[in-house]
Amino acid sequence: MQKKIRTRFAPSPTGFMHVGNLRTALYEYLIAKSMHGDFILRIEDTDQERLVEGATDVIYRTLRETGLMHDEGPDIGGEFGPYVQSERQELYRPYAEQLVREGKAYYCFCTKERLDSLRGEEEGFGGYDRHCRDLPQEEVERLLKAGTPYVIRQKMPVEGSTTFEDAVYGSITIENSELEDQILLKSDGYPTYNFANVIDDHLMQITHVVRGCEYLTSTPKYNLLYEAFGWEIPVYVHLPLIMGRGDDGEVSKLSKRHGSTGFDDLVNEGYLPQAIMNYIALLGWCPKDNEEVFSLEGLVQNFSVDGISKSPSVFDYDKLAWFNGEYLRAMPPEEFTALAMPYYRQSLGEKTCNWTVLSTILQPRVTQLTQIPEKIRFFAELPEYETDLFVNKKSKTNLENSVTMLEHAIAALEAISTWDVETIHTVLLELAPKLEVKNGTLLWPVRIAAAGMSVTPGGAIEILAILGKEESLRRLRIGLAKLGA
């Protein structure tokens, strides 16, 4: 019987959710769900000094907003709990002590001062000289009895090499001389990240370990622990780096100098969670048919580990904006209006207008929700503008005929009893031939007077419908006055 696939997302609650961490969570979710497995959430909080208050809530909220729902975790439980490392504290010491008894690990009593003095010396990898590795047993017992602080270190092989298989990078070999005798249990009794990881992954029956390629060289440390216990080694899936491109065109590891790198920051910039997830899915993974727009369910159906690239990918904010625009345009108008309403209020305050028409002109034109306030500010207040805006060669308008167009438009619009797009459209498009002009010659000065801007989302008819009859006529009369009529 084939073993059930189990992956785990094991973040440390140290602050915001970086897109690199989020991509790891996404790939772990996709690997599990594409093979009918389980996706587990585990909180790794053994590094007490780096914990940030409220960060665990950020993890839960981000997973919820992105749709990456876990099958087991601290909030919903499961048969392999607890799912918070600090609550598993009693589990780790017995395993470390077991390795000591079997001669695979040892007590290290070196003081911080001694370790500091070794830094910079060429006595061993990482500066540690394995001083306590072969202490006589009676000396170990004497120091333990005296209550001397200690850590437990694993005995690493000092000769030969360690080779492992990675699902993305293939066969990787590391010289054992590069491996330090790693600490398993710290002097405060807390396990190190590496040690707790291995114990928890084994006890939780994790089959696939997914992480960034920066951990490739430390994988032998994990494998030597698995081998020391006689446990089955999981499948490793190391992911390529996510890079950023600076203003100078130089590419380096993605950081805040390239732009927002956190999920919350991107959402605050007007990107939709589903667009963010769709985009980061393609940062290192290539679907077989080159399709780009995927729902989460679509990603599950199409994802396979063999599509993951070894090459770093560059986080392209323009491409993310393109994805976001695609998602905004595809959603039902009422959903767009609901999402856009906080941004409408940002510019318009409590002012009411025809939200349906406003959404109709904005939905095809914005790629980020945060673009909305600037685009619609003129609806709240008519901006100051110069009369030369009325002059437009393409529309064949000038300062003289703009006066005529506005006078007739005002008269026609005043007679309207039902103020909506259809009625305004009919009235103005019937007026143009009566004036023996093309539609553009009439509509250009109307739009300039109504908006006070030459570039607007939507045309004159939509703008009038949104402004309402009273405000529209007020603005058109201001336009006439500006033209000296």
Protein backbone atom coordinates (compact mmCIF):
# COMPACT_ATOMS: atom_id res chain seq x y z
CA MET A 1 0.00 0.00 0.00
CA GLN A 2 1.39 3.40 -1.00
CA LYS A 3 2.18 5.74 1.86
CA LYS A 4 -0.10 8.78 2.12
CA ILE A 5 1.59 11.98 0.98
CA ARG A 6 2.01 14.47 3.83
CA THR A 7 3.63 17.89 3.57
CA ARG A 8 4.00 20.54 6.23
CA PHE A 9 4.29 24.30 6.31
CA ALA A 10 6.37 25.12 9.37
CA PRO A 11 6.83 28.89 9.66
CA SER A 12 8.41 30.70 12.58
CA PRO A 13 6.16 33.44 14.02
CA THR A 14 8.74 36.18 13.51
CA GLY A 15 6.76 38.82 11.63
CA PHE A 16 5.18 39.26 8.21
CA MET A 17 4.62 36.59 5.56
CA HIS A 18 7.32 37.00 2.90
CA VAL A 19 6.39 35.93 -0.64
CA GLY A 20 9.19 33.34 -0.49
CA ASN A 21 7.57 31.70 2.55
CA LEU A 22 4.18 31.95 0.91
CA ARG A 23 5.43 30.25 -2.25
CA THR A 24 6.86 27.44 -0.12
CA ALA A 25 3.48 27.03 1.59
CA LEU A 26 1.73 27.06 -1.79
CA TYR A 27 3.99 24.40 -3.29
CA GLU A 28 3.64 22.23 -0.17
CA TYR A 29 -0.13 22.56 -0.47
CA LEU A 30 -0.07 21.77 -4.19
CA ILE A 31 2.21 18.75 -3.78
CA ALA A 32 -0.08 17.31 -1.10
CA LYS A 33 -3.38 18.06 -2.80
CA SER A 34 -2.26 17.06 -6.31
CA MET A 35 -1.48 13.60 -4.87
CA HIS A 36 -4.54 13.40 -2.59
CA GLY A 37 -2.44 13.94 0.52
CA ASP A 38 -2.56 16.09 3.66
CA PHE A 39 -1.18 19.58 4.22
CA ILE A 40 -0.11 20.22 7.81
CA LEU A 41 0.57 23.51 9.61
CA ARG A 42 3.22 23.45 12.33
CA ILE A 43 4.40 26.54 14.22
CA GLU A 44 8.14 26.49 14.88
CA ASP A 45 8.73 28.80 17.82
CA THR A 46 11.87 27.34 19.37
CA ASP A 47 13.86 30.50 18.63
CA GLN A 48 12.31 32.45 21.49
CA GLU A 49 14.38 35.59 20.94
CA ARG A 50 12.94 36.17 17.44
CA LEU A 51 9.26 35.70 18.27
CA VAL A 52 6.98 38.61 17.37
CA GLU A 53 3.67 39.13 19.14
CA GLY A 54 0.71 38.61 16.82
CA ALA A 55 2.79 36.87 14.14
CA THR A 56 0.96 33.57 14.59
CA ASP A 57 -2.32 35.33 13.83
CA VAL A 58 -0.72 36.70 10.63
CA ILE A 59 0.10 33.12 9.59
CA TYR A 60 -3.46 31.89 10.19
CA ARG A 61 -5.02 34.89 8.43
CA THR A 62 -2.71 34.66 5.41
CA LEU A 63 -3.42 30.97 4.90
CA ARG A 64 -7.14 31.65 5.22
CA GLU A 65 -7.11 34.57 2.74
CA THR A 66 -5.08 32.61 0.19
CA GLY A 67 -7.22 29.48 0.46
CA LEU A 68 -4.36 27.26 1.69
CA MET A 69 -6.48 25.42 4.22
CA HIS A 70 -4.52 22.94 6.33
CA ASP A 71 -5.78 19.51 7.31
CA GLU A 72 -4.05 19.49 10.69
CA GLY A 73 -2.63 22.28 12.80
CA PRO A 74 -2.60 24.08 16.15
CA ASP A 75 -6.03 25.62 15.61
CA ILE A 76 -7.84 22.50 14.38
CA GLY A 77 -5.81 19.69 15.96
CA GLY A 78 -5.01 16.28 14.51
CA GLU A 79 -3.66 12.92 15.60
CA PHE A 80 -0.01 14.04 15.46
CA GLY A 81 -0.26 17.10 17.76
CA PRO A 82 0.62 19.26 19.45
CA TYR A 83 1.50 21.35 16.38
CA VAL A 84 3.45 24.09 18.15
CA GLN A 85 7.08 23.20 18.84
CA SER A 86 7.24 24.90 22.24
CA GLU A 87 4.37 22.62 23.32
CA ARG A 88 6.41 19.58 22.20
CA GLN A 89 9.35 20.52 24.42
CA GLU A 90 9.40 17.26 26.37
CA LEU A 91 9.69 15.22 23.17
CA TYR A 92 13.15 16.29 22.06
CA ARG A 93 15.49 15.63 24.98
CA PRO A 94 14.91 11.84 25.07
CA TYR A 95 15.92 11.59 21.40
CA ALA A 96 19.06 13.64 21.98
CA GLU A 97 19.95 11.54 25.03
CA GLN A 98 19.36 8.38 23.00
CA LEU A 99 22.00 9.47 20.48
CA VAL A 100 24.43 10.22 23.32
CA ARG A 101 23.91 6.72 24.76
CA GLU A 102 24.49 5.19 21.32
CA GLY A 103 27.72 7.14 20.83
CA LYS A 104 26.25 9.24 18.00
CA ALA A 105 26.15 12.49 19.96
CA TYR A 106 27.97 13.97 22.96
CA TYR A 107 27.77 16.55 25.72
CA CYS A 108 29.69 19.72 24.94
CA PHE A 109 30.62 21.88 27.93
CA CYS A 110 32.52 24.59 26.03
CA THR A 111 31.79 28.08 27.30
CA LYS A 112 30.71 30.94 25.09
CA GLU A 113 34.08 32.59 25.76
CA ARG A 114 35.96 29.53 24.52
CA LEU A 115 33.83 29.26 21.40
CA ASP A 116 34.28 32.97 20.70
CA SER A 117 38.06 32.58 20.99
CA LEU A 118 38.01 29.93 18.26
CA ARG A 119 36.35 32.19 15.71
CA GLY A 120 38.70 33.07 12.90
CA GLU A 121 41.03 30.17 13.66
CA GLU A 122 41.39 27.41 11.09
CA GLU A 123 40.80 24.59 13.55
CA GLY A 124 37.53 23.31 12.18
CA PHE A 125 34.43 24.07 10.20
CA GLY A 126 32.39 26.82 11.83
CA GLY A 127 35.16 27.51 14.30
CA TYR A 128 34.40 24.55 16.55
CA ASP A 129 37.31 22.18 17.20
CA ARG A 130 35.31 19.18 18.56
CA HIS A 131 37.03 19.72 21.90
CA CYS A 132 34.44 17.76 23.90
CA ARG A 133 33.83 15.01 21.35
CA ASP A 134 36.14 12.49 23.00
CA LEU A 135 36.11 13.56 26.65
CA PRO A 136 36.68 10.61 29.03
CA GLN A 137 33.41 9.30 30.47
CA GLU A 138 34.46 10.04 34.04
CA GLU A 139 35.13 13.68 33.08
CA VAL A 140 31.70 13.94 31.44
CA GLU A 141 30.02 12.53 34.55
CA ARG A 142 31.99 14.89 36.82
CA LEU A 143 30.93 17.94 34.80
CA LEU A 144 27.31 16.79 34.68
CA LYS A 145 27.28 16.17 38.43
CA ALA A 146 28.72 19.64 39.02
CA GLY A 147 25.83 21.16 37.05
CA THR A 148 28.08 22.53 34.30
CA PRO A 149 25.98 23.99 31.46
CA TYR A 150 26.15 21.96 28.27
CA VAL A 151 24.74 21.47 24.81
CA ILE A 152 24.32 18.17 23.00
CA ARG A 153 26.16 17.92 19.68
CA GLN A 154 25.86 15.30 16.97
CA LYS A 155 28.99 13.42 15.94
CA MET A 156 29.46 14.13 12.26
CA PRO A 157 31.64 11.96 10.01
CA VAL A 158 34.99 13.69 9.44
CA GLU A 159 35.95 11.82 6.27
CA GLY A 160 34.28 10.98 2.97
CA SER A 161 31.14 12.63 1.64
CA THR A 162 27.36 12.53 1.96
CA THR A 163 25.13 12.30 -1.11
CA PHE A 164 21.38 12.80 -1.30
CA GLU A 165 18.74 13.06 -4.02
CA ASP A 166 16.65 16.16 -4.49
CA ALA A 167 13.48 16.12 -6.62
CA VAL A 168 14.52 19.38 -8.33
CA TYR A 169 18.32 19.52 -8.25
CA GLY A 170 19.06 15.81 -8.60
CA SER A 171 22.06 14.19 -6.89
CA ILE A 172 23.89 16.51 -4.45
CA THR A 173 27.17 15.59 -2.74
CA ILE A 174 28.65 17.45 0.24
CA GLU A 175 32.10 16.74 1.68
CA ASN A 176 31.77 15.63 5.30
CA SER A 177 34.74 17.81 6.25
CA GLU A 178 32.42 20.78 5.69
CA LEU A 179 29.93 19.60 8.30
CA GLU A 180 30.22 20.92 11.85
CA ASP A 181 29.26 18.77 14.83
CA GLN A 182 25.85 20.42 14.98
CA ILE A 183 24.10 21.29 18.22
CA LEU A 184 20.94 19.27 18.78
CA LEU A 185 19.91 20.53 22.21
CA LYS A 186 20.82 24.02 23.44
CA SER A 187 21.89 24.86 26.97
CA ASP A 188 18.40 26.22 27.74
CA GLY A 189 16.93 22.82 26.91
CA TYR A 190 15.38 23.98 23.64
CA PRO A 191 16.13 21.96 20.51
CA THR A 192 17.84 23.62 17.58
CA TYR A 193 15.82 24.28 14.45
CA ASN A 194 17.45 21.38 12.54
CA PHE A 195 16.97 18.84 15.31
CA ALA A 196 13.35 19.71 16.10
CA ASN A 197 12.58 19.68 12.38
CA VAL A 198 13.76 16.12 11.93
CA ILE A 199 12.05 14.80 15.06
CA ASP A 200 8.76 16.49 14.26
CA ASP A 201 8.80 15.54 10.57
CA HIS A 202 9.37 11.91 11.48
CA LEU A 203 6.73 11.80 14.22
CA MET A 204 4.21 13.58 11.98
CA GLN A 205 4.99 11.15 9.12
CA ILE A 206 5.96 13.94 6.70
CA THR A 207 6.82 12.41 3.31
CA HIS A 208 7.93 15.51 1.38
CA VAL A 209 10.08 18.34 2.74
CA VAL A 210 9.80 21.51 0.66
CA ARG A 211 12.12 24.48 1.27
CA GLY A 212 14.36 27.04 -0.40
CA CYS A 213 17.53 25.97 -2.23
CA GLU A 214 19.61 27.89 0.34
CA TYR A 215 19.11 24.82 2.57
CA LEU A 216 20.61 22.38 0.05
CA THR A 217 24.00 22.31 1.78
CA SER A 218 22.50 21.67 5.21
CA THR A 219 20.42 18.70 4.03
CA PRO A 220 23.18 16.17 4.87
CA LYS A 221 22.84 17.26 8.50
CA TYR A 222 19.19 16.25 8.38
CA ASN A 223 19.93 12.98 6.62
CA LEU A 224 22.66 12.00 9.06
CA LEU A 225 20.11 12.43 11.85
CA TYR A 226 17.55 10.28 10.04
CA GLU A 227 20.22 7.63 9.53
CA ALA A 228 21.36 7.85 13.15
CA PHE A 229 17.84 6.98 14.26
CA GLY A 230 17.29 4.45 11.48
CA TRP A 231 14.35 6.42 10.09
CA GLU A 232 13.12 6.74 6.50
CA ILE A 233 14.43 9.86 4.76
CA PRO A 234 11.70 12.05 3.19
CA VAL A 235 11.59 13.29 -0.40
CA TYR A 236 13.37 16.65 -0.65
CA VAL A 237 12.03 19.40 -2.90
CA HIS A 238 14.31 22.44 -2.89
CA LEU A 239 12.93 25.55 -4.58
CA PRO A 240 14.86 28.08 -6.66
CA LEU A 241 15.53 31.55 -5.29
CA ILE A 242 13.16 34.44 -5.90
CA MET A 243 15.14 37.45 -7.13
CA GLY A 244 14.33 41.13 -7.51
CA ARG A 245 15.45 43.61 -10.15
CA GLY A 246 16.79 46.95 -8.96
CA ASP A 247 16.35 50.33 -10.66
CA ASP A 248 19.77 49.82 -12.21
CA GLY A 249 18.66 46.51 -13.73
CA GLU A 250 20.83 44.49 -11.37
CA VAL A 251 19.28 41.25 -10.14
CA SER A 252 19.73 40.13 -6.52
CA LYS A 253 17.78 38.17 -3.89
CA LEU A 254 14.34 39.72 -3.44
CA SER A 255 14.28 42.29 -0.66
CA LYS A 256 12.34 45.39 0.33
CA ARG A 257 14.58 47.59 -1.79
CA HIS A 258 12.92 46.01 -4.84
CA GLY A 259 9.40 46.76 -3.60
CA SER A 260 6.88 45.12 -1.28
CA THR A 261 7.85 41.55 -0.39
CA GLY A 262 5.16 40.73 2.16
CA PHE A 263 1.69 39.37 1.44
CA ASP A 264 -0.07 42.02 3.54
CA ASP A 265 1.91 44.82 1.90
CA LEU A 266 0.95 43.60 -1.56
CA VAL A 267 -2.72 43.35 -0.57
CA ASN A 268 -2.53 46.88 0.83
CA GLU A 269 -1.19 48.00 -2.56
CA GLY A 270 -4.39 46.77 -4.19
CA TYR A 271 -3.38 43.30 -5.35
CA LEU A 272 -5.91 40.48 -4.90
CA PRO A 273 -4.86 37.42 -2.86
CA GLN A 274 -5.81 35.07 -5.72
CA ALA A 275 -3.74 37.10 -8.21
CA ILE A 276 -0.75 37.08 -5.85
CA MET A 277 -1.00 33.31 -5.43
CA ASN A 278 -1.43 32.71 -9.17
CA TYR A 279 1.66 34.80 -9.88
CA ILE A 280 3.94 33.29 -7.24
CA ALA A 281 2.93 29.79 -8.38
CA LEU A 282 4.72 30.60 -11.64
CA LEU A 283 7.88 31.83 -9.87
CA GLY A 284 9.81 28.61 -10.31
CA TRP A 285 7.15 26.35 -11.81
CA CYS A 286 6.17 26.02 -15.46
CA PRO A 287 2.84 24.41 -16.39
CA LYS A 288 2.97 21.91 -19.23
CA ASP A 289 0.68 23.83 -21.63
CA ASN A 290 2.06 27.34 -20.89
CA GLU A 291 -1.29 28.48 -19.51
CA GLU A 292 -0.87 31.33 -17.04
CA VAL A 293 -4.14 32.14 -15.28
CA PHE A 294 -5.10 29.47 -12.73
CA SER A 295 -7.52 29.23 -9.84
CA LEU A 296 -6.17 27.41 -6.80
CA GLU A 297 -8.12 24.33 -7.84
CA GLY A 298 -6.66 24.68 -11.34
CA LEU A 299 -3.17 24.77 -9.87
CA VAL A 300 -3.89 21.59 -7.89
CA GLN A 301 -5.02 19.82 -11.07
CA ASN A 302 -2.02 20.94 -13.14
CA PHE A 303 0.83 20.97 -10.61
CA SER A 304 3.68 18.47 -10.71
CA VAL A 305 7.09 18.56 -9.06
CA ASP A 306 8.87 17.88 -12.36
CA GLY A 307 7.72 21.31 -13.55
CA ILE A 308 9.77 23.09 -10.87
CA SER A 309 12.83 24.86 -12.27
CA LYS A 310 16.36 24.96 -10.87
CA SER A 311 16.85 28.50 -12.14
CA PRO A 312 16.08 31.56 -10.00
CA SER A 313 13.05 33.60 -11.04
CA VAL A 314 12.68 37.38 -10.92
CA PHE A 315 9.70 38.92 -9.13
CA ASP A 316 8.20 41.21 -11.77
CA TYR A 317 5.75 43.74 -10.30
CA ASP A 318 4.47 44.66 -13.77
CA LYS A 319 3.60 41.02 -14.41
CA LEU A 320 1.84 40.81 -11.05
CA ALA A 321 -0.16 43.93 -12.00
CA TRP A 322 -1.11 42.23 -15.28
CA PHE A 323 -2.39 39.18 -13.40
CA ASN A 324 -4.28 41.42 -11.00
CA GLY A 325 -5.94 43.24 -13.89
CA GLU A 326 -7.02 39.93 -15.40
CA TYR A 327 -8.64 38.90 -12.12
CA LEU A 328 -10.34 42.28 -11.63
CA ARG A 329 -11.81 42.23 -15.14
CA ALA A 330 -13.04 38.65 -14.79
CA MET A 331 -15.02 39.14 -11.58
CA PRO A 332 -18.76 39.92 -11.48
CA PRO A 333 -19.45 43.69 -11.46
CA GLU A 334 -21.09 43.59 -8.03
CA GLU A 335 -18.02 41.85 -6.57
CA PHE A 336 -15.76 44.50 -8.10
CA THR A 337 -17.95 47.25 -6.62
CA ALA A 338 -17.76 45.69 -3.15
CA LEU A 339 -13.96 45.46 -3.34
CA ALA A 340 -13.65 48.96 -4.77
CA MET A 341 -16.00 50.66 -2.30
CA PRO A 342 -13.33 51.46 0.35
CA TYR A 343 -11.29 53.14 -2.41
CA TYR A 344 -14.38 55.00 -3.68
CA ARG A 345 -14.95 56.29 -0.16
CA GLN A 346 -11.30 57.32 0.09
CA SER A 347 -11.85 59.91 -2.65
CA LEU A 348 -15.56 60.62 -2.46
CA GLY A 349 -16.20 60.41 1.29
CA GLU A 350 -19.90 59.98 2.02
CA LYS A 351 -20.90 61.38 -1.38
CA THR A 352 -23.30 59.09 -3.23
CA CYS A 353 -23.21 58.47 -6.94
CA ASN A 354 -24.09 55.83 -9.48
CA TRP A 355 -21.74 53.08 -8.24
CA THR A 356 -22.78 50.72 -11.04
CA VAL A 357 -21.70 53.13 -13.76
CA LEU A 358 -18.55 54.06 -11.84
CA SER A 359 -17.55 50.39 -11.63
CA THR A 360 -18.41 49.91 -15.30
CA ILE A 361 -15.80 52.50 -16.36
CA LEU A 362 -13.15 51.49 -13.80
CA GLN A 363 -13.24 47.69 -13.90
CA PRO A 364 -11.65 47.44 -17.37
CA ARG A 365 -9.10 50.16 -16.61
CA VAL A 366 -7.44 49.44 -13.26
CA THR A 367 -4.78 46.85 -12.51
CA GLN A 368 -4.55 47.71 -8.80
CA LEU A 369 -7.39 48.82 -6.56
CA THR A 370 -5.14 51.52 -5.13
CA GLN A 371 -5.23 53.28 -8.52
CA ILE A 372 -8.90 54.09 -8.01
CA PRO A 373 -8.77 57.14 -5.67
CA GLU A 374 -6.53 59.16 -8.00
CA LYS A 375 -8.61 58.24 -11.06
CA ILE A 376 -11.91 59.39 -9.53
CA ARG A 377 -10.81 62.37 -7.45
CA PHE A 378 -12.38 64.76 -9.96
CA PHE A 379 -15.81 63.36 -9.08
CA ALA A 380 -15.45 64.69 -5.53
CA GLU A 381 -14.35 68.15 -6.59
CA LEU A 382 -13.95 69.84 -9.95
CA PRO A 383 -10.22 70.54 -10.35
CA GLU A 384 -8.87 73.86 -11.56
CA TYR A 385 -8.19 73.71 -15.29
CA GLU A 386 -7.19 75.96 -18.19
CA THR A 387 -9.48 76.68 -21.14
CA ASP A 388 -6.91 75.34 -23.61
CA LEU A 389 -8.15 71.84 -22.64
CA PHE A 390 -11.24 72.59 -24.74
CA VAL A 391 -9.05 72.75 -27.86
CA ASN A 392 -8.65 69.32 -29.44
CA LYS A 393 -7.54 68.77 -33.02
CA LYS A 394 -8.88 65.22 -33.32
CA SER A 395 -12.33 66.21 -32.06
CA LYS A 396 -12.20 69.43 -34.11
CA THR A 397 -12.98 71.63 -31.12
CA ASN A 398 -11.80 75.15 -30.36
CA LEU A 399 -12.67 77.89 -27.89
CA GLU A 400 -15.47 79.23 -30.11
CA ASN A 401 -17.36 76.09 -31.02
CA SER A 402 -16.93 74.72 -27.46
CA VAL A 403 -19.18 77.57 -26.29
CA THR A 404 -21.85 76.54 -28.79
CA MET A 405 -21.57 72.86 -27.85
CA LEU A 406 -21.93 73.56 -24.13
CA GLU A 407 -24.87 75.95 -24.54
CA HIS A 408 -26.86 73.41 -26.54
CA ALA A 409 -25.79 70.50 -24.32
CA ILE A 410 -26.97 72.33 -21.19
CA ALA A 411 -30.33 73.11 -22.77
CA ALA A 412 -30.83 69.50 -23.88
CA LEU A 413 -29.72 68.02 -20.57
CA GLU A 414 -31.92 70.34 -18.52
CA ALA A 415 -34.95 68.81 -20.22
CA ILE A 416 -34.08 65.25 -19.11
CA SER A 417 -36.37 63.82 -16.43
CA THR A 418 -34.70 60.36 -16.11
CA TRP A 419 -30.98 60.81 -15.49
CA ASP A 420 -29.22 57.65 -16.59
CA VAL A 421 -26.61 56.54 -19.13
CA GLU A 422 -29.15 55.45 -21.73
CA THR A 423 -31.14 58.69 -21.66
CA ILE A 424 -28.08 60.95 -21.63
CA HIS A 425 -26.60 58.92 -24.49
CA THR A 426 -29.75 59.25 -26.59
CA VAL A 427 -30.15 62.99 -25.97
CA LEU A 428 -26.55 63.94 -26.76
CA LEU A 429 -26.14 61.66 -29.76
CA GLU A 430 -29.35 63.03 -31.24
CA LEU A 431 -28.12 66.57 -30.58
CA ALA A 432 -24.82 66.23 -32.50
CA PRO A 433 -26.38 65.79 -35.99
CA LYS A 434 -28.79 68.64 -35.26
CA LEU A 435 -25.73 70.85 -34.69
CA GLU A 436 -24.19 69.35 -37.83
CA VAL A 437 -21.12 68.13 -35.95
CA LYS A 438 -19.62 64.72 -35.23
CA ASN A 439 -20.21 63.16 -31.81
CA GLY A 440 -16.66 63.93 -30.67
CA THR A 441 -17.03 67.65 -31.36
CA LEU A 442 -19.97 67.78 -28.96
CA LEU A 443 -18.75 65.31 -26.34
CA TRP A 444 -15.18 66.65 -25.93
CA PRO A 445 -16.13 70.04 -24.42
CA VAL A 446 -18.87 68.39 -22.35
CA ARG A 447 -16.33 65.99 -20.84
CA ILE A 448 -13.75 68.73 -20.21
CA ALA A 449 -16.32 70.90 -18.45
CA ALA A 450 -17.67 67.94 -16.43
CA ALA A 451 -14.28 66.54 -15.38
CA GLY A 452 -11.78 69.39 -15.69
CA MET A 453 -9.33 66.82 -17.07
CA SER A 454 -8.33 65.66 -20.54
CA VAL A 455 -7.73 62.05 -19.49
CA THR A 456 -10.53 60.35 -17.57
CA PRO A 457 -11.85 56.85 -16.98
CA GLY A 458 -14.98 56.73 -19.10
CA GLY A 459 -16.38 59.31 -21.47
CA ALA A 460 -18.64 62.33 -21.12
CA ILE A 461 -21.89 60.34 -20.93
CA GLU A 462 -20.72 58.05 -18.10
CA ILE A 463 -19.22 60.98 -16.18
CA LEU A 464 -22.49 62.92 -16.37
CA ALA A 465 -24.46 59.87 -15.20
CA ILE A 466 -22.14 59.43 -12.21
CA LEU A 467 -22.15 63.12 -11.22
CA GLY A 468 -25.93 63.41 -11.29
CA LYS A 469 -28.03 66.04 -13.02
CA GLU A 470 -27.55 68.97 -10.63
CA GLU A 471 -23.77 68.66 -10.32
CA SER A 472 -23.35 67.99 -14.05
CA LEU A 473 -25.23 71.13 -15.06
CA ARG A 474 -23.36 73.17 -12.45
CA ARG A 475 -20.02 72.09 -13.91
CA LEU A 476 -21.07 72.67 -17.51
CA ARG A 477 -22.11 76.22 -16.61
CA ILE A 478 -18.72 76.77 -14.93
CA GLY A 479 -17.14 75.64 -18.21
CA LEU A 480 -19.18 78.16 -20.14
CA ALA A 481 -18.17 80.91 -17.74
CA LYS A 482 -14.48 79.96 -18.15
CA LEU A 483 -14.91 80.36 -21.90
CA GLY A 484 -16.27 83.83 -21.31
CA ALA A 485 -19.81 83.03 -22.39
